[in-house]
Protein backbone atom coordinates (compact mmCIF):
# COMPACT_ATOMS: atom_id res chain seq x y z
CA VAL A 1 157.36 77.05 115.47
CA ASP A 2 154.27 78.94 114.49
CA THR A 3 155.84 80.87 110.94
CA ILE A 4 157.54 78.53 109.86
CA ARG A 5 153.89 76.25 109.99
CA LEU A 6 152.20 78.85 109.12
CA LYS A 7 154.51 79.53 105.65
CA MET A 8 154.89 76.17 105.18
CA LEU A 9 152.91 73.70 106.38
CA LYS A 10 148.94 75.71 105.77
CA VAL A 11 149.85 75.93 102.34
CA ALA A 12 146.67 75.07 99.24
CA ALA A 13 148.66 72.11 97.99
CA LYS A 14 147.74 69.28 94.62
CA ALA A 15 149.59 65.81 95.24
CA VAL A 16 150.09 65.08 92.15
CA HIS A 17 150.80 60.75 92.36
CA SER A 18 152.12 59.81 88.99
CA ALA A 19 154.09 56.10 88.97
CA ARG A 20 157.46 56.95 90.24
CA TYR A 21 156.24 60.56 91.87
CA THR A 22 155.01 62.97 93.48
CA ILE A 23 154.39 66.24 93.09
CA PHE A 24 153.00 69.31 94.55
CA LYS A 25 151.83 71.95 93.09
CA LEU A 26 151.47 75.67 94.11
CA CYS A 27 149.11 78.10 92.94
CA SER A 28 150.65 80.89 90.73
CA SER A 29 150.07 83.00 93.04
CA CYS A 30 151.41 81.33 96.40
CA PRO A 31 153.93 84.29 97.94
CA TYR A 32 156.72 81.80 100.19
CA LYS A 33 156.26 79.22 96.79
CA LYS A 34 160.24 79.82 96.09
CA GLU A 35 160.88 78.66 99.81
CA TYR A 36 158.79 75.62 100.44
CA TYR A 37 160.82 74.28 97.32
CA GLN A 38 163.91 74.47 98.70
CA THR A 39 162.92 73.69 101.95
CA LEU A 40 161.70 70.07 100.67
CA ALA A 41 165.05 69.77 98.56
CA ASN A 42 167.15 70.57 101.73
CA ILE A 43 164.42 67.44 103.14
CA ARG A 44 165.34 65.84 100.49
CA GLY A 45 169.24 65.97 101.10
CA LEU A 46 169.35 65.37 104.42
CA LYS A 47 171.07 61.85 105.38
CA PRO A 48 169.78 58.96 108.14
CA ALA A 49 171.53 58.87 111.21
CA ALA A 50 174.07 56.44 112.05
CA VAL A 51 172.20 54.11 114.40
């Protein structure tokens, strides 16, 4: 868990809000940029559990 937190959550990013979207802008030298965006895409694809 510490490795995931270190690599995915402790990232310097800027959240930009528009009327419809919230965009995370990462610095160009971020070493885990591809993994970060893939994780966000995976989270978006999750479906809520039926109750």
